[in-house]
């Protein structure tokens, strides 16, 4: 698999730090993907391997500050 096809399968993870409440739920659920910095969450990396735990973190965020996208489609938080 080349780097371009690997990137196409990766999910993009963003955190709206102005909306984040710093609850730490995301960092507890997915410590490999999120960390708290200055009392706000931030993704460890901009892209991540697809996984249910990322969607769970986005779904569990009390401020709905986490967005997970696949290409141009927003897949998390789920409705």
Protein backbone atom coordinates (compact mmCIF):
# COMPACT_ATOMS: atom_id res chain seq x y z
CA UNK A 1 0.00 0.00 0.00
CA UNK A 2 1.42 3.37 -0.94
CA UNK A 3 1.31 6.50 1.25
CA UNK A 4 -1.45 8.09 -0.82
CA UNK A 5 -3.84 5.14 -0.39
CA UNK A 6 -3.00 4.96 3.34
CA UNK A 7 -3.91 8.66 3.71
CA UNK A 8 -7.20 8.05 1.89
CA UNK A 9 -8.21 5.52 4.55
CA UNK A 10 -7.13 7.65 7.51
CA UNK A 11 -9.67 9.70 9.41
CA UNK A 12 -9.05 13.36 10.18
CA UNK A 13 -9.65 14.33 13.81
CA UNK A 14 -10.15 17.93 14.92
CA UNK A 15 -11.03 19.55 18.24
CA UNK A 16 -12.63 22.97 18.48
CA UNK A 17 -10.54 24.17 21.43
CA UNK A 18 -12.75 27.23 21.93
CA UNK A 19 -15.74 24.91 22.50
CA UNK A 20 -13.88 22.25 24.50
CA UNK A 21 -14.81 22.12 28.19
CA UNK A 22 -11.74 20.10 29.17
CA UNK A 23 -13.78 17.20 30.58
CA UNK A 24 -11.09 14.71 29.55
CA UNK A 25 -13.60 12.10 28.38
CA UNK A 26 -11.90 11.84 24.98
CA UNK A 27 -8.43 11.44 26.52
CA UNK A 28 -9.79 8.74 28.84
CA UNK A 29 -11.52 6.85 26.02
CA UNK A 30 -8.74 7.24 23.45
CA UNK A 31 -5.47 8.28 25.10
CA UNK A 32 -3.57 7.34 21.94
CA UNK A 33 -5.60 9.93 20.00
CA UNK A 34 -6.28 12.81 22.44
CA UNK A 35 -4.43 14.65 25.18
CA UNK A 36 -5.32 17.52 27.47
CA UNK A 37 -3.14 20.57 27.06
CA UNK A 38 -3.82 23.84 28.88
CA UNK A 39 -7.05 22.28 30.20
CA UNK A 40 -8.36 21.66 26.66
CA UNK A 41 -8.28 18.61 24.43
CA UNK A 42 -6.11 18.35 21.38
CA UNK A 43 -5.64 15.48 18.92
CA UNK A 44 -2.29 13.71 19.22
CA UNK A 45 -2.14 13.55 15.39
CA UNK A 46 -4.22 15.21 12.69
CA UNK A 47 -5.01 11.85 11.10
CA UNK A 48 -5.76 8.52 12.74
CA UNK A 49 -6.45 4.95 11.81
CA UNK A 50 -10.20 4.39 11.57
CA UNK A 51 -11.65 3.01 14.77
CA UNK A 52 -14.85 2.88 16.76
CA UNK A 53 -13.10 4.47 19.76
CA UNK A 54 -12.66 7.76 17.85
CA UNK A 55 -16.37 7.88 17.07
CA UNK A 56 -17.16 7.03 20.70
CA UNK A 57 -14.95 9.92 21.84
CA UNK A 58 -16.67 12.33 19.44
CA UNK A 59 -20.10 11.06 20.54
CA UNK A 60 -19.19 11.39 24.23
CA UNK A 61 -17.86 14.94 24.09
CA UNK A 62 -20.24 17.09 26.18
CA UNK A 63 -19.39 20.17 24.10
CA UNK A 64 -19.54 18.41 20.70
CA UNK A 65 -16.06 19.84 20.12
CA UNK A 66 -14.63 16.77 18.33
CA UNK A 67 -15.15 16.21 14.62
CA UNK A 68 -14.09 13.08 12.77
CA UNK A 69 -14.06 13.16 8.98
CA UNK A 70 -13.39 10.60 6.29
CA UNK A 71 -12.45 12.47 3.14
CA UNK A 72 -15.03 15.25 2.98
CA UNK A 73 -17.72 13.40 4.94
CA UNK A 74 -18.26 14.14 8.63
CA UNK A 75 -18.70 10.77 10.36
CA UNK A 76 -18.46 11.83 13.99
CA UNK A 77 -20.12 12.76 16.17
CA UNK A 78 -22.88 10.48 15.02
CA UNK A 79 -26.46 11.80 14.98
